[in-house]
Amino acid sequence: MIEFVWPWLFLLLPLPLLLRWWLPKHGQQLASLRVPKAPQLDAKTGKGRFINPLVVISMIIWAALVTSVARPEWLGEPLPIRSDAREMMLAVDLSGSMEIADMEIAGQRVNRLQMVKEVLADFIERREGDRLGLILFADTAYLQTPMTYDRDTVAQMLEESQLNLIGERTAIGDAVALAVKRFQLREETNRVLVLLTDGQNTAGYISPDQALELAKAYQVRIYTIGVGAEEVVVESFFGSRRVNPSRDLDESMLANMAEQTGGIYFRARDTEELATIYQELDSYEPVAGDEQQLRPREALFYWPLALAVSLTFLTLIVTQQPWRRT
């Protein structure tokens, strides 16, 4: 069906007739408003002997111009769409402890950061339709990738991240505060922060408690993930012994941060657990939103505009021909 964006502009249609009726009564009639070779009125009957074709063409041109500026549009059939308004920031720990090789991928021992890269890349790939961002933190936090729909870029920036790039300590509070700041730039979105760390807050300018208050104030939901095995066997000169490489992990702080913001704290002791956590995050924060109806619109103003321009040029050509001159 056809609709007009500004249908009230059709009130301008009688404007030329009103001007033709009004101006002769209030001054000398302007030459530009006089129709050339207008029909002469019969003195006895008061009726015109013929209708000037130029008058009819002028009326058509004016009607076409008014129709064009009224912005006609063609509305197509309603199409179902998904309404997605989710922003998800990923904050990854690059502190020195992430170098501990207590994880396995395909039977090979790898460090924690390598494991996070491997599993997180698959999670990023599944978040089609979401705006993703990436924060890396150690002694401080910095924005590696701003919010974007380009998941390939986010995955590439994560893959290129290196340990000890910004220090060896852990600024969890700075990472959360930076994420909240970036979320402030947009409104009416589901603001989600996924924070991965293997330690406790040992650096930065903002404490985890201060960052938590900011997240609550700006309604940022935080999912925290504690990374690291709980027990590994270490060979030494005196034999084998079992140690806990995650003894510095502040689980109580991470659990409180998630609970206070409506998120969940997860514990990733190995690659399989981390992959399961990301699958659970998909269920807690589904990609697709509520289905809505969208009617595609196609502008049609250029058709009446083309008609008006064509008739104008055609009239000028005809009226300027030698046989039309006297």
Protein backbone atom coordinates (compact mmCIF):
# COMPACT_ATOMS: atom_id res chain seq x y z
CA MET A 1 0.00 0.00 0.00
CA ILE A 2 1.04 3.63 -0.47
CA GLU A 3 1.34 6.08 2.41
CA PHE A 4 2.44 9.71 2.60
CA VAL A 5 4.90 10.94 5.21
CA TRP A 6 3.49 14.50 5.11
CA PRO A 7 -0.08 14.18 3.76
CA TRP A 8 -1.05 17.62 5.11
CA LEU A 9 0.99 19.18 2.28
CA PHE A 10 -1.87 18.34 -0.08
CA LEU A 11 -3.54 21.42 1.38
CA LEU A 12 -1.25 23.36 -0.97
CA LEU A 13 -3.02 22.03 -4.07
CA PRO A 14 -5.48 24.96 -4.44
CA LEU A 15 -2.74 27.56 -3.82
CA PRO A 16 -2.33 28.62 -7.50
CA LEU A 17 -6.11 29.14 -7.88
CA LEU A 18 -6.21 31.21 -4.70
CA LEU A 19 -3.31 33.35 -5.91
CA ARG A 20 -4.95 33.84 -9.30
CA TRP A 21 -8.18 34.96 -7.61
CA TRP A 22 -6.51 37.12 -4.95
CA LEU A 23 -3.73 39.02 -6.73
CA PRO A 24 -5.82 40.77 -9.45
CA LYS A 25 -7.94 42.29 -6.72
CA HIS A 26 -5.01 43.80 -4.87
CA GLY A 27 -2.74 45.34 -7.45
CA GLN A 28 -1.56 45.00 -10.94
CA GLN A 29 -1.50 41.44 -12.11
CA LEU A 30 2.07 40.13 -12.40
CA ALA A 31 3.12 39.09 -15.87
CA SER A 32 4.59 35.85 -14.54
CA LEU A 33 1.20 34.82 -13.22
CA ARG A 34 -0.65 35.49 -16.49
CA VAL A 35 -1.22 32.45 -18.61
CA PRO A 36 -0.11 33.14 -22.21
CA LYS A 37 -2.90 33.06 -24.73
CA ALA A 38 -5.57 32.59 -22.08
CA PRO A 39 -9.04 31.89 -23.39
CA GLN A 40 -11.06 35.02 -24.13
CA LEU A 41 -14.52 35.35 -22.58
CA ASP A 42 -17.53 35.90 -24.78
CA ALA A 43 -19.03 39.29 -23.99
CA LYS A 44 -22.63 37.98 -24.10
CA THR A 45 -22.39 34.58 -22.42
CA GLY A 46 -19.36 35.19 -20.17
CA LYS A 47 -18.05 31.72 -21.02
CA GLY A 48 -14.64 30.84 -22.38
CA ARG A 49 -14.41 29.62 -25.93
CA PHE A 50 -11.79 26.93 -25.08
CA ILE A 51 -9.57 25.59 -22.27
CA ASN A 52 -5.92 26.43 -22.69
CA PRO A 53 -3.82 23.19 -22.66
CA LEU A 54 -1.03 25.05 -20.85
CA VAL A 55 -3.34 25.65 -17.91
CA VAL A 56 -4.13 21.94 -17.68
CA ILE A 57 -0.44 21.00 -17.93
CA SER A 58 0.47 23.58 -15.29
CA MET A 59 -2.12 22.09 -12.95
CA ILE A 60 -0.71 18.59 -13.51
CA ILE A 61 2.84 19.85 -12.84
CA TRP A 62 1.78 21.55 -9.63
CA ALA A 63 -0.12 18.46 -8.44
CA ALA A 64 2.91 16.26 -9.19
CA LEU A 65 5.22 18.58 -7.23
CA VAL A 66 2.92 18.63 -4.21
CA THR A 67 2.63 14.84 -4.35
CA SER A 68 6.42 14.55 -4.45
CA VAL A 69 7.05 16.76 -1.41
CA ALA A 70 4.34 14.87 0.51
CA ARG A 71 6.81 11.94 0.42
CA PRO A 72 4.86 8.95 -0.93
CA GLU A 73 6.17 5.57 0.24
CA TRP A 74 5.33 2.01 -0.66
CA LEU A 75 4.82 -0.24 2.39
CA GLY A 76 5.68 -3.86 1.81
CA GLU A 77 4.36 -6.93 3.57
CA PRO A 78 5.23 -7.22 7.31
CA LEU A 79 8.44 -9.19 7.91
CA PRO A 80 9.40 -10.82 11.23
CA ILE A 81 12.61 -9.49 12.76
CA ARG A 82 14.54 -10.00 15.95
CA SER A 83 14.97 -7.04 18.27
CA ASP A 84 18.45 -7.25 19.77
CA ALA A 85 19.68 -4.60 22.17
CA ARG A 86 22.51 -6.32 24.02
CA GLU A 87 26.00 -5.04 24.65
CA MET A 88 28.48 -7.51 26.08
CA MET A 89 31.93 -6.52 27.28
CA LEU A 90 34.58 -9.21 27.78
CA ALA A 91 37.28 -8.43 30.36
CA VAL A 92 40.29 -10.78 30.25
CA ASP A 93 43.07 -10.98 32.85
CA LEU A 94 46.63 -10.66 31.45
CA SER A 95 48.44 -10.76 34.80
CA GLY A 96 51.55 -12.89 35.31
CA SER A 97 49.66 -15.74 36.96
CA MET A 98 47.77 -16.40 33.72
CA GLU A 99 51.03 -17.94 32.50
CA ILE A 100 50.61 -20.93 34.81
CA ALA A 101 50.31 -24.04 32.64
CA ASP A 102 47.66 -26.00 34.53
CA MET A 103 45.20 -26.45 31.62
CA GLU A 104 44.97 -28.93 28.77
CA ILE A 105 43.76 -28.59 25.19
CA ALA A 106 43.63 -31.75 23.05
CA GLY A 107 45.88 -33.55 25.53
CA GLN A 108 48.55 -30.85 25.56
CA ARG A 109 49.40 -28.76 28.61
CA VAL A 110 48.82 -25.03 28.00
CA ASN A 111 48.74 -21.93 30.15
CA ARG A 112 45.53 -20.29 31.33
CA LEU A 113 45.52 -17.50 28.76
CA GLN A 114 45.85 -19.96 25.88
CA MET A 115 42.91 -21.92 27.22
CA VAL A 116 40.82 -18.77 27.59
CA LYS A 117 41.63 -17.72 24.01
CA GLU A 118 40.70 -21.15 22.65
CA VAL A 119 37.31 -21.37 24.34
CA LEU A 120 36.38 -17.70 24.28
CA ALA A 121 36.87 -17.52 20.50
CA ASP A 122 34.06 -20.04 20.02
CA PHE A 123 31.82 -18.07 22.39
CA ILE A 124 32.47 -14.86 20.42
CA GLU A 125 31.59 -16.61 17.18
CA ARG A 126 28.17 -17.60 18.54
CA ARG A 127 27.21 -14.07 19.64
CA GLU A 128 25.84 -13.02 16.26
CA GLY A 129 23.69 -9.89 16.59
CA ASP A 130 25.35 -8.68 19.82
CA ARG A 131 27.70 -5.74 20.17
CA LEU A 132 30.90 -7.02 21.74
CA GLY A 133 33.83 -5.22 23.28
CA LEU A 134 37.14 -6.39 24.76
CA ILE A 135 38.99 -5.10 27.83
CA LEU A 136 42.42 -6.39 28.80
CA PHE A 137 43.74 -5.75 32.30
CA ALA A 138 46.76 -6.37 34.51
CA ASP A 139 48.44 -3.45 36.34
CA THR A 140 45.71 -1.31 34.79
CA ALA A 141 42.84 -1.82 32.35
CA TYR A 142 42.52 -0.59 28.80
CA LEU A 143 39.98 -0.92 26.03
CA GLN A 144 41.34 -3.20 23.35
CA THR A 145 38.21 -3.24 21.17
CA PRO A 146 35.28 -0.80 21.50
CA MET A 147 31.71 -2.03 21.14
CA THR A 148 31.21 -3.45 17.68
CA TYR A 149 29.20 -5.98 15.67
CA ASP A 150 32.46 -7.12 14.06
CA ARG A 151 33.04 -10.36 15.99
CA ASP A 152 36.04 -11.27 13.83
CA THR A 153 37.90 -8.17 15.00
CA VAL A 154 37.14 -8.91 18.66
CA ALA A 155 38.38 -12.49 18.26
CA GLN A 156 41.52 -11.30 16.47
CA MET A 157 42.35 -8.73 19.15
CA LEU A 158 41.94 -11.40 21.82
CA GLU A 159 44.19 -13.81 19.92
CA GLU A 160 46.90 -11.15 19.60
CA SER A 161 46.92 -10.30 23.32
CA GLN A 162 50.12 -11.16 25.17
CA LEU A 163 51.04 -11.81 28.80
CA ASN A 164 53.01 -9.15 30.66
CA LEU A 165 51.86 -6.59 28.11
CA ILE A 166 50.63 -4.20 30.80
CA GLY A 167 52.24 -5.61 33.93
CA GLU A 168 51.94 -8.64 36.16
CA ARG A 169 49.45 -7.58 38.83
CA THR A 170 45.63 -7.61 38.67
CA ALA A 171 43.43 -4.48 38.51
CA ILE A 172 39.95 -6.00 38.67
CA GLY A 173 38.32 -2.80 39.92
CA ASP A 174 39.74 -0.76 37.04
CA ALA A 175 38.46 -3.32 34.51
CA VAL A 176 34.91 -3.19 35.87
CA ALA A 177 34.90 0.61 36.09
CA LEU A 178 36.16 0.92 32.51
CA ALA A 179 33.41 -1.39 31.28
CA VAL A 180 30.77 0.67 33.10
CA LYS A 181 32.15 3.84 31.53
CA ARG A 182 31.87 2.37 28.03
CA PHE A 183 28.31 1.22 28.70
CA GLN A 184 27.30 4.79 29.61
CA LEU A 185 27.76 5.83 25.98
CA ARG A 186 24.60 3.99 24.94
CA GLU A 187 21.15 3.75 26.51
CA GLU A 188 18.38 1.18 26.51
CA THR A 189 20.63 -1.86 26.18
CA ASN A 190 21.18 -5.02 28.19
CA ARG A 191 24.58 -4.29 29.69
CA VAL A 192 26.54 -7.44 30.37
CA LEU A 193 30.14 -7.80 31.56
CA VAL A 194 31.91 -11.17 31.46
CA LEU A 195 35.03 -10.94 33.62
CA LEU A 196 37.71 -13.67 33.58
CA THR A 197 40.48 -13.67 36.16
CA ASP A 198 42.66 -16.10 38.12
CA GLY A 199 43.60 -13.93 41.08
CA GLN A 200 42.62 -11.11 43.36
CA ASN A 201 42.69 -7.34 43.08
CA THR A 202 46.28 -6.24 43.67
CA ALA A 203 46.57 -3.08 41.55
CA GLY A 204 44.63 -0.24 39.99
CA TYR A 205 43.11 3.05 41.09
CA ILE A 206 39.58 1.78 41.83
CA SER A 207 38.80 -0.89 44.36
CA PRO A 208 36.42 -3.77 43.54
CA ASP A 209 33.87 -2.34 46.02
CA GLN A 210 33.88 1.04 44.31
CA ALA A 211 33.60 -0.59 40.90
CA LEU A 212 30.72 -2.71 42.16
CA GLU A 213 28.80 0.39 43.25
CA LEU A 214 29.29 1.90 39.81
CA ALA A 215 28.05 -1.27 38.12
CA LYS A 216 24.95 -1.34 40.32
CA ALA A 217 24.26 2.35 39.69
CA TYR A 218 24.35 1.88 35.91
CA GLN A 219 22.62 -1.51 35.93
CA VAL A 220 25.53 -3.52 34.55
CA ARG A 221 25.12 -7.26 35.07
CA ILE A 222 28.43 -9.01 35.78
CA TYR A 223 29.24 -12.65 35.18
CA THR A 224 32.55 -13.51 36.86
CA ILE A 225 34.67 -16.54 35.99
CA GLY A 226 37.47 -17.79 38.22
CA VAL A 227 40.07 -19.54 36.07
CA GLY A 228 42.63 -22.09 37.28
CA ALA A 229 43.00 -25.66 38.41
CA GLU A 230 42.61 -26.50 42.09
CA GLU A 231 45.27 -29.15 42.16
CA VAL A 232 48.31 -30.07 40.09
CA VAL A 233 51.13 -32.53 40.64
CA VAL A 234 54.58 -30.96 40.77
CA GLU A 235 57.72 -33.04 40.36
CA SER A 236 60.70 -32.01 42.47
CA PHE A 237 63.99 -33.38 43.79
CA PHE A 238 62.15 -34.75 46.77
CA GLY A 239 59.44 -36.42 44.67
CA SER A 240 55.91 -35.57 43.62
CA ARG A 241 53.71 -33.24 45.57
CA ARG A 242 50.27 -31.73 45.04
CA VAL A 243 49.83 -27.96 45.08
CA ASN A 244 46.91 -25.58 44.57
CA PRO A 245 47.85 -23.11 41.81
CA SER A 246 44.66 -21.13 42.44
CA ARG A 247 45.26 -20.33 46.09
CA ASP A 248 45.32 -16.59 45.30
CA LEU A 249 41.92 -16.62 43.59
CA ASP A 250 39.52 -14.34 45.50
CA GLU A 251 36.33 -16.33 44.96
CA SER A 252 34.34 -14.53 47.64
CA MET A 253 34.92 -11.15 45.96
CA LEU A 254 34.02 -12.50 42.50
CA ALA A 255 30.91 -14.26 43.83
CA ASN A 256 29.74 -11.12 45.65
CA MET A 257 30.30 -8.94 42.59
CA ALA A 258 28.19 -11.26 40.44
CA GLU A 259 25.44 -11.69 43.03
CA GLN A 260 25.10 -7.95 43.73
CA THR A 261 24.61 -7.16 40.04
CA GLY A 262 22.28 -10.03 39.14
CA GLY A 263 24.95 -12.16 37.50
CA ILE A 264 26.50 -15.51 38.38
CA TYR A 265 29.95 -16.61 39.50
CA PHE A 266 31.45 -19.59 37.68
CA ARG A 267 34.50 -21.68 38.47
CA ALA A 268 36.54 -22.90 35.50
CA ARG A 269 39.02 -25.55 36.66
CA ASP A 270 39.66 -26.94 33.21
CA THR A 271 38.89 -26.42 29.52
CA GLU A 272 35.69 -28.47 29.61
CA GLU A 273 34.28 -26.48 32.53
CA LEU A 274 34.99 -23.18 30.80
CA ALA A 275 33.29 -24.38 27.60
CA THR A 276 30.26 -25.43 29.67
CA ILE A 277 30.19 -22.01 31.35
CA TYR A 278 29.97 -20.24 27.99
CA GLN A 279 27.12 -22.51 26.97
CA GLU A 280 25.32 -21.56 30.18
CA LEU A 281 25.93 -17.90 29.44
CA ASP A 282 24.21 -18.42 26.08
CA SER A 283 21.12 -19.59 27.96
CA TYR A 284 21.23 -16.78 30.54
CA GLU A 285 21.88 -14.13 27.87
CA PRO A 286 20.28 -15.44 24.65
CA VAL A 287 21.27 -13.74 21.41
CA ALA A 288 17.82 -13.37 19.85
CA GLY A 289 15.37 -10.84 21.24
CA ASP A 290 11.58 -10.67 21.02
CA GLU A 291 10.15 -11.08 17.55
CA GLN A 292 8.65 -7.94 16.05
CA GLN A 293 7.11 -6.97 12.74
CA LEU A 294 8.85 -4.70 10.27
CA ARG A 295 7.25 -3.32 7.10
CA PRO A 296 9.89 -2.39 4.51
CA ARG A 297 9.47 1.09 3.04
CA GLU A 298 10.40 2.21 -0.46
CA ALA A 299 10.47 5.90 -1.38
CA LEU A 300 8.32 6.86 -4.40
CA PHE A 301 8.72 10.65 -4.44
CA TYR A 302 10.98 10.56 -7.49
CA TRP A 303 8.14 9.33 -9.77
CA PRO A 304 5.86 12.41 -9.44
CA LEU A 305 8.98 14.60 -9.37
CA ALA A 306 10.19 13.09 -12.65
CA LEU A 307 6.72 13.66 -14.15
CA ALA A 308 6.75 17.33 -13.12
CA VAL A 309 10.26 17.92 -14.48
CA SER A 310 9.50 16.12 -17.75
CA LEU A 311 6.29 18.06 -18.36
CA THR A 312 8.06 21.33 -17.56
CA PHE A 313 10.83 20.72 -20.08
CA LEU A 314 8.38 19.44 -22.67
CA THR A 315 6.24 22.57 -22.27
CA LEU A 316 9.26 24.84 -22.59
CA ILE A 317 10.39 23.06 -25.76
CA VAL A 318 6.95 23.25 -27.36
CA THR A 319 6.31 26.87 -26.46
CA GLN A 320 9.72 27.97 -27.75
CA GLN A 321 9.32 26.43 -31.21
CA PRO A 322 9.44 28.93 -34.12
CA TRP A 323 5.87 28.17 -35.19
CA ARG A 324 4.65 29.13 -31.71
CA ARG A 325 6.11 32.66 -32.00
CA THR A 326 4.08 35.57 -33.33
